[in-house]
Amino acid sequence: MIWLPEVLFILVTWKSHKIVTFCVVYVLSHNPVFSLLAAIGSVVPDLIEGRGFLSMNPYKQYRWQQNHRKLSHWCIPYIAICLICLFILRQNSLNVYSVVHLSQFLQFPELLLVSWISFAVSSGAVMHIFEDALSGKVPLFNPKRKNFGIRLIPVNSLFELIFTLTVVFVTMALLIIRRQHA
């Protein structure tokens, strides 16, 4: 069971992941509900690893650091979930991005509802992994080897903030341009 302090921690942690994921997914989908679910999914790979980074125990921090960005940051399972869900949704002639209002969302049959939510959350997890690949290595084909990525954006740096704000402004500009030409 998740306690209130943990929920508050999740809301204020991983700000860049949630912001960048929401903006990029919204530009691609124009769907605020799907984008919000993807933003929530953008913290899943780190949540799976546990809370060792919060520990005051140096051994727990060390163990967490040793396993960080390994199995939980392997994109293949998340991409597989996306493809399976997309297949299910397409088989049922459902446009993934067409659901904008909560009333539409709640009228889905259970299988489609679970598929739609899983697709959005898994998309967010894939975005998280690609964002992490900009700040270090993540596994690509082998979940035990970090061999994909570059250290372009240091974590918790001024450059990360600038990158995040740039994504926000570029996506806003794209939305404005698209609306002017619609």
C-alpha atoms as a PDB file:
ATOM      1  CA  MET A   1       0.000   0.000   0.000  1.00  0.00           C
ATOM      2  CA  ILE A   2       1.316   3.437  -0.917  1.00  0.00           C
ATOM      3  CA  TRP A   3       1.290   6.017   1.869  1.00  0.00           C
ATOM      4  CA  LEU A   4       0.660   9.755   1.458  1.00  0.00           C
ATOM      5  CA  PRO A   5       4.354  10.750   1.901  1.00  0.00           C
ATOM      6  CA  GLU A   6       5.274   8.335  -0.899  1.00  0.00           C
ATOM      7  CA  VAL A   7       2.596   9.785  -3.177  1.00  0.00           C
ATOM      8  CA  LEU A   8       3.854  13.318  -2.468  1.00  0.00           C
ATOM      9  CA  PHE A   9       7.431  12.164  -3.126  1.00  0.00           C
ATOM     10  CA  ILE A  10       6.425  10.715  -6.510  1.00  0.00           C
ATOM     11  CA  LEU A  11       4.659  13.962  -7.434  1.00  0.00           C
ATOM     12  CA  VAL A  12       7.720  16.146  -6.830  1.00  0.00           C
ATOM     13  CA  THR A  13      10.436  13.703  -7.948  1.00  0.00           C
ATOM     14  CA  TRP A  14      11.440  13.011 -11.513  1.00  0.00           C
ATOM     15  CA  LYS A  15      10.021  16.360 -12.616  1.00  0.00           C
ATOM     16  CA  SER A  16      11.960  16.409 -15.861  1.00  0.00           C
ATOM     17  CA  HIS A  17      10.804  12.930 -16.870  1.00  0.00           C
ATOM     18  CA  LYS A  18       7.163  13.787 -16.267  1.00  0.00           C
ATOM     19  CA  ILE A  19       7.316  17.196 -17.963  1.00  0.00           C
ATOM     20  CA  VAL A  20       9.253  16.094 -21.049  1.00  0.00           C
ATOM     21  CA  THR A  21       7.133  12.969 -21.472  1.00  0.00           C
ATOM     22  CA  PHE A  22       3.842  14.854 -21.112  1.00  0.00           C
ATOM     23  CA  CYS A  23       4.901  17.535 -23.617  1.00  0.00           C
ATOM     24  CA  VAL A  24       6.235  15.149 -26.266  1.00  0.00           C
ATOM     25  CA  VAL A  25       3.318  12.733 -25.992  1.00  0.00           C
ATOM     26  CA  TYR A  26       0.798  15.589 -26.071  1.00  0.00           C
ATOM     27  CA  VAL A  27       2.339  17.028 -29.248  1.00  0.00           C
ATOM     28  CA  LEU A  28       2.141  13.586 -30.864  1.00  0.00           C
ATOM     29  CA  SER A  29      -1.312  12.596 -29.581  1.00  0.00           C
ATOM     30  CA  HIS A  30      -3.178  15.839 -28.779  1.00  0.00           C
ATOM     31  CA  ASN A  31      -4.741  13.827 -25.990  1.00  0.00           C
ATOM     32  CA  PRO A  32      -4.399  15.186 -22.449  1.00  0.00           C
ATOM     33  CA  VAL A  33      -5.592  11.980 -20.717  1.00  0.00           C
ATOM     34  CA  PHE A  34      -3.205   9.757 -22.673  1.00  0.00           C
ATOM     35  CA  SER A  35      -0.380  12.260 -22.083  1.00  0.00           C
ATOM     36  CA  LEU A  36      -1.059  12.365 -18.342  1.00  0.00           C
ATOM     37  CA  LEU A  37      -0.980   8.560 -18.134  1.00  0.00           C
ATOM     38  CA  ALA A  38       2.284   8.537 -20.107  1.00  0.00           C
ATOM     39  CA  ALA A  39       3.740  11.115 -17.696  1.00  0.00           C
ATOM     40  CA  ILE A  40       2.779   8.851 -14.796  1.00  0.00           C
ATOM     41  CA  GLY A  41       4.368   5.930 -16.647  1.00  0.00           C
ATOM     42  CA  SER A  42       7.569   7.917 -17.045  1.00  0.00           C
ATOM     43  CA  VAL A  43       8.491   7.198 -13.417  1.00  0.00           C
ATOM     44  CA  VAL A  44       7.775   3.449 -13.576  1.00  0.00           C
ATOM     45  CA  PRO A  45      11.337   2.279 -14.418  1.00  0.00           C
ATOM     46  CA  ASP A  46      12.758   4.058 -11.360  1.00  0.00           C
ATOM     47  CA  LEU A  47       9.864   3.012  -9.105  1.00  0.00           C
ATOM     48  CA  ILE A  48      10.456  -0.631  -9.998  1.00  0.00           C
ATOM     49  CA  GLU A  49      13.985  -0.331  -8.614  1.00  0.00           C
ATOM     50  CA  GLY A  50      12.693   0.571  -5.170  1.00  0.00           C
ATOM     51  CA  ARG A  51      13.582   3.385  -2.798  1.00  0.00           C
ATOM     52  CA  GLY A  52      17.215   2.538  -2.087  1.00  0.00           C
ATOM     53  CA  PHE A  53      18.302   5.981  -3.238  1.00  0.00           C
ATOM     54  CA  LEU A  54      16.328   7.437  -0.296  1.00  0.00           C
ATOM     55  CA  SER A  55      18.047   5.270   2.264  1.00  0.00           C
ATOM     56  CA  MET A  56      20.433   6.730   4.831  1.00  0.00           C
ATOM     57  CA  ASN A  57      22.165   3.359   4.874  1.00  0.00           C
ATOM     58  CA  PRO A  58      25.261   3.588   2.600  1.00  0.00           C
ATOM     59  CA  TYR A  59      25.090  -0.130   1.795  1.00  0.00           C
ATOM     60  CA  LYS A  60      21.478   0.150   0.555  1.00  0.00           C
ATOM     61  CA  GLN A  61      22.400   3.211  -1.517  1.00  0.00           C
ATOM     62  CA  TYR A  62      25.365   1.351  -2.998  1.00  0.00           C
ATOM     63  CA  ARG A  63      23.236  -1.714  -3.863  1.00  0.00           C
ATOM     64  CA  TRP A  64      20.592   0.515  -5.457  1.00  0.00           C
ATOM     65  CA  GLN A  65      23.255   2.335  -7.476  1.00  0.00           C
ATOM     66  CA  GLN A  66      24.695  -0.989  -8.706  1.00  0.00           C
ATOM     67  CA  ASN A  67      21.296  -2.072 -10.057  1.00  0.00           C
ATOM     68  CA  HIS A  68      20.155   1.334 -11.301  1.00  0.00           C
ATOM     69  CA  ARG A  69      19.319   1.448 -14.999  1.00  0.00           C
ATOM     70  CA  LYS A  70      19.567  -2.276 -15.582  1.00  0.00           C
ATOM     71  CA  LEU A  71      16.588  -4.646 -15.842  1.00  0.00           C
ATOM     72  CA  SER A  72      13.991  -1.967 -15.016  1.00  0.00           C
ATOM     73  CA  HIS A  73      15.434   0.258 -17.767  1.00  0.00           C
ATOM     74  CA  TRP A  74      15.429  -2.401 -20.480  1.00  0.00           C
ATOM     75  CA  CYS A  75      13.077  -1.010 -23.136  1.00  0.00           C
ATOM     76  CA  ILE A  76      12.194  -4.317 -24.851  1.00  0.00           C
ATOM     77  CA  PRO A  77       9.443  -5.402 -22.367  1.00  0.00           C
ATOM     78  CA  TYR A  78       7.854  -1.932 -22.418  1.00  0.00           C
ATOM     79  CA  ILE A  79       7.918  -1.822 -26.223  1.00  0.00           C
ATOM     80  CA  ALA A  80       6.406  -5.325 -26.331  1.00  0.00           C
ATOM     81  CA  ILE A  81       3.576  -4.190 -24.037  1.00  0.00           C
ATOM     82  CA  CYS A  82       2.991  -1.158 -26.287  1.00  0.00           C
ATOM     83  CA  LEU A  83       2.826  -3.325 -29.412  1.00  0.00           C
ATOM     84  CA  ILE A  84       0.502  -5.915 -27.844  1.00  0.00           C
ATOM     85  CA  CYS A  85      -1.841  -3.200 -26.551  1.00  0.00           C
ATOM     86  CA  LEU A  86      -1.758  -1.364 -29.871  1.00  0.00           C
ATOM     87  CA  PHE A  87      -2.644  -4.616 -31.658  1.00  0.00           C
ATOM     88  CA  ILE A  88      -5.602  -5.204 -29.310  1.00  0.00           C
ATOM     89  CA  LEU A  89      -6.819  -1.633 -29.727  1.00  0.00           C
ATOM     90  CA  ARG A  90      -6.485  -1.722 -33.532  1.00  0.00           C
ATOM     91  CA  GLN A  91      -8.267  -5.103 -33.721  1.00  0.00           C
ATOM     92  CA  ASN A  92     -11.196  -3.391 -32.017  1.00  0.00           C
ATOM     93  CA  SER A  93     -11.038  -0.400 -34.381  1.00  0.00           C
ATOM     94  CA  LEU A  94     -10.185   1.992 -31.584  1.00  0.00           C
ATOM     95  CA  ASN A  95      -8.138   5.047 -32.452  1.00  0.00           C
ATOM     96  CA  VAL A  96      -5.672   5.201 -29.563  1.00  0.00           C
ATOM     97  CA  TYR A  97      -5.616   8.979 -29.358  1.00  0.00           C
ATOM     98  CA  SER A  98      -9.305   9.672 -29.962  1.00  0.00           C
ATOM     99  CA  VAL A  99     -10.374   9.338 -26.324  1.00  0.00           C
ATOM    100  CA  VAL A 100     -10.205  12.824 -24.857  1.00  0.00           C
ATOM    101  CA  HIS A 101     -13.046  13.015 -22.359  1.00  0.00           C
ATOM    102  CA  LEU A 102     -13.294  10.957 -19.191  1.00  0.00           C
ATOM    103  CA  SER A 103     -16.844   9.917 -20.061  1.00  0.00           C
ATOM    104  CA  GLN A 104     -15.564   8.226 -23.260  1.00  0.00           C
ATOM    105  CA  PHE A 105     -12.756   6.607 -21.322  1.00  0.00           C
ATOM    106  CA  LEU A 106     -15.062   5.047 -18.731  1.00  0.00           C
ATOM    107  CA  GLN A 107     -17.306   3.481 -21.405  1.00  0.00           C
ATOM    108  CA  PHE A 108     -14.576   1.148 -22.695  1.00  0.00           C
ATOM    109  CA  PRO A 109     -14.979  -2.603 -22.264  1.00  0.00           C
ATOM    110  CA  GLU A 110     -12.477  -3.870 -19.663  1.00  0.00           C
ATOM    111  CA  LEU A 111      -9.967  -5.330 -22.145  1.00  0.00           C
ATOM    112  CA  LEU A 112      -9.800  -2.097 -24.118  1.00  0.00           C
ATOM    113  CA  LEU A 113      -9.601   0.010 -20.966  1.00  0.00           C
ATOM    114  CA  VAL A 114      -6.679  -2.031 -19.623  1.00  0.00           C
ATOM    115  CA  SER A 115      -4.994  -2.018 -23.053  1.00  0.00           C
ATOM    116  CA  TRP A 116      -5.379   1.734 -23.460  1.00  0.00           C
ATOM    117  CA  ILE A 117      -4.023   2.503 -19.977  1.00  0.00           C
ATOM    118  CA  SER A 118      -1.184  -0.027 -20.377  1.00  0.00           C
ATOM    119  CA  PHE A 119      -0.250   1.439 -23.750  1.00  0.00           C
ATOM    120  CA  ALA A 120      -0.082   4.952 -22.304  1.00  0.00           C
ATOM    121  CA  VAL A 121       1.877   3.967 -19.179  1.00  0.00           C
ATOM    122  CA  SER A 122       4.303   1.784 -21.161  1.00  0.00           C
ATOM    123  CA  SER A 123       4.817   4.613 -23.645  1.00  0.00           C
ATOM    124  CA  GLY A 124       5.814   6.815 -20.727  1.00  0.00           C
ATOM    125  CA  ALA A 125       8.251   4.171 -19.497  1.00  0.00           C
ATOM    126  CA  VAL A 126       9.857   3.988 -22.956  1.00  0.00           C
ATOM    127  CA  MET A 127      10.175   7.781 -22.961  1.00  0.00           C
ATOM    128  CA  HIS A 128      11.846   7.612 -19.518  1.00  0.00           C
ATOM    129  CA  ILE A 129      14.407   5.121 -20.802  1.00  0.00           C
ATOM    130  CA  PHE A 130      15.246   7.212 -23.868  1.00  0.00           C
ATOM    131  CA  GLU A 131      15.508  10.312 -21.678  1.00  0.00           C
ATOM    132  CA  ASP A 132      17.883   8.406 -19.364  1.00  0.00           C
ATOM    133  CA  ALA A 133      19.902   7.391 -22.432  1.00  0.00           C
ATOM    134  CA  LEU A 134      20.649  11.106 -22.862  1.00  0.00           C
ATOM    135  CA  SER A 135      22.242  11.217 -19.418  1.00  0.00           C
ATOM    136  CA  GLY A 136      24.094   7.899 -19.346  1.00  0.00           C
ATOM    137  CA  LYS A 137      23.924   4.309 -20.482  1.00  0.00           C
ATOM    138  CA  VAL A 138      20.896   1.996 -20.387  1.00  0.00           C
ATOM    139  CA  PRO A 139      20.484  -1.611 -21.587  1.00  0.00           C
ATOM    140  CA  LEU A 140      19.425  -2.100 -25.186  1.00  0.00           C
ATOM    141  CA  PHE A 141      19.410  -5.814 -26.092  1.00  0.00           C
ATOM    142  CA  ASN A 142      20.883  -7.341 -22.924  1.00  0.00           C
ATOM    143  CA  PRO A 143      19.160  -6.242 -19.679  1.00  0.00           C
ATOM    144  CA  LYS A 144      22.358  -6.783 -17.695  1.00  0.00           C
ATOM    145  CA  ARG A 145      24.587  -4.570 -19.836  1.00  0.00           C
ATOM    146  CA  LYS A 146      24.280  -0.796 -20.053  1.00  0.00           C
ATOM    147  CA  ASN A 147      25.438  -0.191 -23.611  1.00  0.00           C
ATOM    148  CA  PHE A 148      23.085   2.357 -25.161  1.00  0.00           C
ATOM    149  CA  GLY A 149      23.209   6.103 -24.606  1.00  0.00           C
ATOM    150  CA  ILE A 150      25.455   9.097 -24.161  1.00  0.00           C
ATOM    151  CA  ARG A 151      26.191  11.316 -21.193  1.00  0.00           C
ATOM    152  CA  LEU A 152      24.889  14.477 -22.827  1.00  0.00           C
ATOM    153  CA  ILE A 153      22.707  15.819 -19.999  1.00  0.00           C
ATOM    154  CA  PRO A 154      24.026  15.478 -16.424  1.00  0.00           C
ATOM    155  CA  VAL A 155      21.288  14.517 -13.940  1.00  0.00           C
ATOM    156  CA  ASN A 156      20.022  17.304 -11.636  1.00  0.00           C
ATOM    157  CA  SER A 157      22.070  19.917 -13.469  1.00  0.00           C
ATOM    158  CA  LEU A 158      21.357  23.352 -14.869  1.00  0.00           C
ATOM    159  CA  PHE A 159      21.609  21.792 -18.322  1.00  0.00           C
ATOM    160  CA  GLU A 160      18.817  19.331 -17.441  1.00  0.00           C
ATOM    161  CA  LEU A 161      16.623  22.275 -16.451  1.00  0.00           C
ATOM    162  CA  ILE A 162      17.483  24.133 -19.672  1.00  0.00           C
ATOM    163  CA  PHE A 163      16.762  20.999 -21.727  1.00  0.00           C
ATOM    164  CA  THR A 164      13.398  20.510 -20.005  1.00  0.00           C
ATOM    165  CA  LEU A 165      12.387  24.144 -20.513  1.00  0.00           C
ATOM    166  CA  THR A 166      13.487  23.967 -24.151  1.00  0.00           C
ATOM    167  CA  VAL A 167      11.271  20.930 -24.712  1.00  0.00           C
ATOM    168  CA  VAL A 168       8.351  22.779 -23.108  1.00  0.00           C
ATOM    169  CA  PHE A 169       8.811  25.872 -25.289  1.00  0.00           C
ATOM    170  CA  VAL A 170       9.403  23.914 -28.508  1.00  0.00           C
ATOM    171  CA  THR A 171       6.317  21.759 -27.946  1.00  0.00           C
ATOM    172  CA  MET A 172       4.243  24.840 -27.145  1.00  0.00           C
ATOM    173  CA  ALA A 173       5.485  26.474 -30.361  1.00  0.00           C
ATOM    174  CA  LEU A 174       4.624  23.352 -32.361  1.00  0.00           C
ATOM    175  CA  LEU A 175       1.119  23.322 -30.917  1.00  0.00           C
ATOM    176  CA  ILE A 176       0.610  27.005 -31.725  1.00  0.00           C
ATOM    177  CA  ILE A 177       1.873  26.551 -35.288  1.00  0.00           C
ATOM    178  CA  ARG A 178      -0.319  23.481 -35.793  1.00  0.00           C
ATOM    179  CA  ARG A 179      -3.432  25.326 -34.551  1.00  0.00           C
ATOM    180  CA  GLN A 180      -2.749  28.287 -36.832  1.00  0.00           C
ATOM    181  CA  HIS A 181      -2.565  25.968 -39.840  1.00  0.00           C
ATOM    182  CA  ALA A 182      -5.600  23.879 -38.879  1.00  0.00           C
END
